[in-house]
C-alpha atoms as a PDB file:
ATOM      1  CA  GLN A   1     -18.604  22.529  -6.263  1.00  0.00           C
ATOM      2  CA  VAL A   2     -15.528  20.225  -5.911  1.00  0.00           C
ATOM      3  CA  ARG A   3     -14.490  19.631  -1.974  1.00  0.00           C
ATOM      4  CA  LEU A   4     -12.091  17.324  -0.706  1.00  0.00           C
ATOM      5  CA  VAL A   5     -12.106  17.241   3.196  1.00  0.00           C
ATOM      6  CA  GLU A   6      -9.474  15.648   5.243  1.00  0.00           C
ATOM      7  CA  SER A   7      -9.965  14.073   8.848  1.00  0.00           C
ATOM      8  CA  GLY A   8      -8.016  11.568  11.235  1.00  0.00           C
ATOM      9  CA  GLY A   9      -4.664  13.398  12.038  1.00  0.00           C
ATOM     10  CA  GLY A  10      -3.441  13.934  15.523  1.00  0.00           C
ATOM     11  CA  LEU A  11      -0.548  13.224  17.607  1.00  0.00           C
ATOM     12  CA  VAL A  12       0.495   9.862  18.160  1.00  0.00           C
ATOM     13  CA  GLN A  13       3.815   7.922  19.715  1.00  0.00           C
ATOM     14  CA  PRO A  14       6.305   6.732  17.503  1.00  0.00           C
ATOM     15  CA  GLY A  15       5.209   3.485  16.649  1.00  0.00           C
ATOM     16  CA  GLY A  16       1.365   3.975  16.943  1.00  0.00           C
ATOM     17  CA  SER A  17      -0.800   4.266  13.999  1.00  0.00           C
ATOM     18  CA  LEU A  18      -3.539   6.926  12.565  1.00  0.00           C
ATOM     19  CA  ARG A  19      -6.142   6.410  10.241  1.00  0.00           C
ATOM     20  CA  LEU A  20      -6.468   9.029   7.688  1.00  0.00           C
ATOM     21  CA  SER A  21      -9.774  10.096   5.571  1.00  0.00           C
ATOM     22  CA  CYS A  22     -10.826  11.925   2.842  1.00  0.00           C
ATOM     23  CA  THR A  23     -14.099  12.498   1.404  1.00  0.00           C
ATOM     24  CA  ALA A  24     -14.509  13.842  -2.095  1.00  0.00           C
ATOM     25  CA  SER A  25     -17.287  15.583  -3.895  1.00  0.00           C
ATOM     26  CA  ILE A  26     -16.180  14.946  -7.243  1.00  0.00           C
ATOM     27  CA  ARG A  27     -18.267  13.081  -9.401  1.00  0.00           C
ATOM     28  CA  PRO A  28     -18.253  10.324 -10.766  1.00  0.00           C
ATOM     29  CA  PHE A  29     -15.615   9.485  -7.918  1.00  0.00           C
ATOM     30  CA  SER A  30     -14.520   6.100  -9.526  1.00  0.00           C
ATOM     31  CA  MET A  31     -12.774   8.058 -12.274  1.00  0.00           C
ATOM     32  CA  TYR A  32     -10.324   9.519 -10.256  1.00  0.00           C
ATOM     33  CA  CYS A  33      -6.876   8.158  -8.831  1.00  0.00           C
ATOM     34  CA  MET A  34      -6.837   9.319  -5.559  1.00  0.00           C
ATOM     35  CA  ALA A  35      -3.391  10.378  -3.484  1.00  0.00           C
ATOM     36  CA  TRP A  36      -2.164  11.300  -0.427  1.00  0.00           C
ATOM     37  CA  PHE A  37       0.815  13.905  -0.287  1.00  0.00           C
ATOM     38  CA  ARG A  38       2.307  15.314   2.855  1.00  0.00           C
ATOM     39  CA  GLN A  39       4.892  18.329   3.627  1.00  0.00           C
ATOM     40  CA  VAL A  40       6.893  18.604   6.514  1.00  0.00           C
ATOM     41  CA  ALA A  41       7.756  21.950   7.999  1.00  0.00           C
ATOM     42  CA  GLY A  42      10.361  23.879   5.689  1.00  0.00           C
ATOM     43  CA  GLN A  43      10.626  21.313   3.175  1.00  0.00           C
ATOM     44  CA  GLU A  44       8.628  20.400  -0.156  1.00  0.00           C
ATOM     45  CA  ARG A  45       5.491  18.518  -0.862  1.00  0.00           C
ATOM     46  CA  GLU A  46       6.148  14.926  -1.500  1.00  0.00           C
ATOM     47  CA  PHE A  47       4.069  11.925  -2.495  1.00  0.00           C
ATOM     48  CA  VAL A  48       3.252   9.613  -0.082  1.00  0.00           C
ATOM     49  CA  ALA A  49       0.712   7.064  -1.776  1.00  0.00           C
ATOM     50  CA  ALA A  50      -1.844   7.051  -4.607  1.00  0.00           C
ATOM     51  CA  VAL A  51      -4.657   4.102  -5.403  1.00  0.00           C
ATOM     52  CA  ILE A  52      -6.300   3.819  -9.038  1.00  0.00           C
ATOM     53  CA  ARG A  53      -9.810   4.193  -9.724  1.00  0.00           C
ATOM     54  CA  ASN A  54     -11.005   0.928  -9.285  1.00  0.00           C
ATOM     55  CA  GLY A  55      -8.438   0.119  -6.024  1.00  0.00           C
ATOM     56  CA  GLY A  56      -6.478  -2.593  -7.973  1.00  0.00           C
ATOM     57  CA  SER A  57      -3.233  -0.714  -8.333  1.00  0.00           C
ATOM     58  CA  THR A  58      -1.581   1.499  -5.792  1.00  0.00           C
ATOM     59  CA  LYS A  59       1.611   3.198  -5.182  1.00  0.00           C
ATOM     60  CA  TYR A  60       3.679   3.953  -2.512  1.00  0.00           C
ATOM     61  CA  ALA A  61       6.830   6.182  -1.614  1.00  0.00           C
ATOM     62  CA  ASP A  62       9.912   4.226  -0.415  1.00  0.00           C
ATOM     63  CA  SER A  63       9.506   5.834   2.833  1.00  0.00           C
ATOM     64  CA  VAL A  64       6.324   4.641   3.750  1.00  0.00           C
ATOM     65  CA  LYS A  65       6.005   1.159   1.996  1.00  0.00           C
ATOM     66  CA  GLY A  66       5.476  -1.729   4.288  1.00  0.00           C
ATOM     67  CA  ARG A  67       4.419   0.831   6.646  1.00  0.00           C
ATOM     68  CA  PHE A  68       0.955   2.907   4.915  1.00  0.00           C
ATOM     69  CA  SER A  69      -1.566   1.311   2.918  1.00  0.00           C
ATOM     70  CA  ILE A  70      -4.078   3.304   0.654  1.00  0.00           C
ATOM     71  CA  ALA A  71      -7.400   2.045  -0.101  1.00  0.00           C
ATOM     72  CA  ARG A  72     -11.168   3.694  -1.158  1.00  0.00           C
ATOM     73  CA  ASP A  73     -14.384   3.040  -1.199  1.00  0.00           C
ATOM     74  CA  ASN A  74     -15.910   4.280  -4.290  1.00  0.00           C
ATOM     75  CA  ALA A  75     -19.521   4.055  -2.680  1.00  0.00           C
ATOM     76  CA  LYS A  76     -18.478   6.440   0.196  1.00  0.00           C
ATOM     77  CA  SER A  77     -16.358   8.744  -2.237  1.00  0.00           C
ATOM     78  CA  ALA A  78     -13.671   8.120   0.396  1.00  0.00           C
ATOM     79  CA  VAL A  79      -9.929   7.114   0.126  1.00  0.00           C
ATOM     80  CA  TYR A  80      -7.926   6.288   3.241  1.00  0.00           C
ATOM     81  CA  LEU A  81      -4.445   6.305   4.806  1.00  0.00           C
ATOM     82  CA  GLN A  82      -3.353   3.455   7.151  1.00  0.00           C
ATOM     83  CA  MET A  83      -0.477   4.812   8.726  1.00  0.00           C
ATOM     84  CA  ASN A  84       1.355   2.120  11.073  1.00  0.00           C
ATOM     85  CA  SER A  85       4.647   2.103  12.687  1.00  0.00           C
ATOM     86  CA  LEU A  86       5.107   6.177  12.601  1.00  0.00           C
ATOM     87  CA  LYS A  87       8.147   7.575  12.848  1.00  0.00           C
ATOM     88  CA  PRO A  88       8.840  10.842  14.003  1.00  0.00           C
ATOM     89  CA  GLU A  89      10.164  12.120  10.487  1.00  0.00           C
ATOM     90  CA  ASP A  90       6.284  11.205   9.635  1.00  0.00           C
ATOM     91  CA  THR A  91       5.325  14.451  10.877  1.00  0.00           C
ATOM     92  CA  GLY A  92       3.642  16.966   8.504  1.00  0.00           C
ATOM     93  CA  VAL A  93       0.753  18.055   6.990  1.00  0.00           C
ATOM     94  CA  TYR A  94      -1.499  15.294   4.600  1.00  0.00           C
ATOM     95  CA  TYR A  95      -3.003  16.071   1.996  1.00  0.00           C
ATOM     96  CA  CYS A  96      -5.494  14.601   0.033  1.00  0.00           C
ATOM     97  CA  ALA A  97      -5.359  15.132  -3.997  1.00  0.00           C
ATOM     98  CA  ALA A  98      -7.381  13.765  -6.576  1.00  0.00           C
ATOM     99  CA  VAL A  99      -7.095  13.777 -10.691  1.00  0.00           C
ATOM    100  CA  TYR A 100      -8.591  12.418 -13.316  1.00  0.00           C
ATOM    101  CA  GLY A 101      -7.642   9.087 -14.755  1.00  0.00           C
ATOM    102  CA  GLY A 102      -5.033   6.778 -14.462  1.00  0.00           C
ATOM    103  CA  ILE A 103      -2.558   6.399 -11.459  1.00  0.00           C
ATOM    104  CA  ASP A 104       0.324   9.328 -10.547  1.00  0.00           C
ATOM    105  CA  SER A 105       2.583  10.263  -8.181  1.00  0.00           C
ATOM    106  CA  THR A 106       3.500  13.688  -9.619  1.00  0.00           C
ATOM    107  CA  GLN A 107       2.260  16.734  -7.864  1.00  0.00           C
ATOM    108  CA  ASP A 108       1.850  18.596 -10.721  1.00  0.00           C
ATOM    109  CA  ALA A 109      -0.795  15.929 -11.937  1.00  0.00           C
ATOM    110  CA  TYR A 110      -3.184  16.367  -9.431  1.00  0.00           C
ATOM    111  CA  ASN A 111      -5.764  19.316  -9.828  1.00  0.00           C
ATOM    112  CA  TYR A 112      -7.924  18.987  -6.553  1.00  0.00           C
ATOM    113  CA  TRP A 113      -7.063  19.299  -3.306  1.00  0.00           C
ATOM    114  CA  GLY A 114      -8.034  19.020   0.258  1.00  0.00           C
ATOM    115  CA  GLN A 115      -6.935  21.970   2.939  1.00  0.00           C
ATOM    116  CA  GLY A 116      -4.568  18.689   4.828  1.00  0.00           C
ATOM    117  CA  THR A 117      -4.934  17.557   7.958  1.00  0.00           C
ATOM    118  CA  GLN A 118      -1.574  17.451  10.659  1.00  0.00           C
ATOM    119  CA  VAL A 119      -0.080  14.453  11.851  1.00  0.00           C
ATOM    120  CA  THR A 120       2.676  14.756  14.826  1.00  0.00           C
ATOM    121  CA  VAL A 121       4.555  11.539  15.732  1.00  0.00           C
ATOM    122  CA  SER A 122       6.518  12.664  18.815  1.00  0.00           C
ATOM    123  CA  SER A 123       7.106  11.398  22.472  1.00  0.00           C
END
């Protein structure tokens, strides 16, 4: 059974930080590209970040470059999203996603998804 479970979301003030985690039951985990997407209320789901199977290559949306960092721990079958300097516009539901193969920023490429975790940036 394939399961992706996100955690770490919550309420944070502007300029603060959060670290999201995603654990995945997919095997072999190391053969999957892992990514984070987010969906702001009333808007289309958008790409945030992705990391290739060996962790050596990453991709970020322009809106989060320099503030967010994605990493993976294949031994733990986990992927993380460190979010710093958070802005109110970062508010949304963050989803973990996986696809077998190389790195991709296209939502349609990912065939495994978590339930999402809420991130709220507000004073």
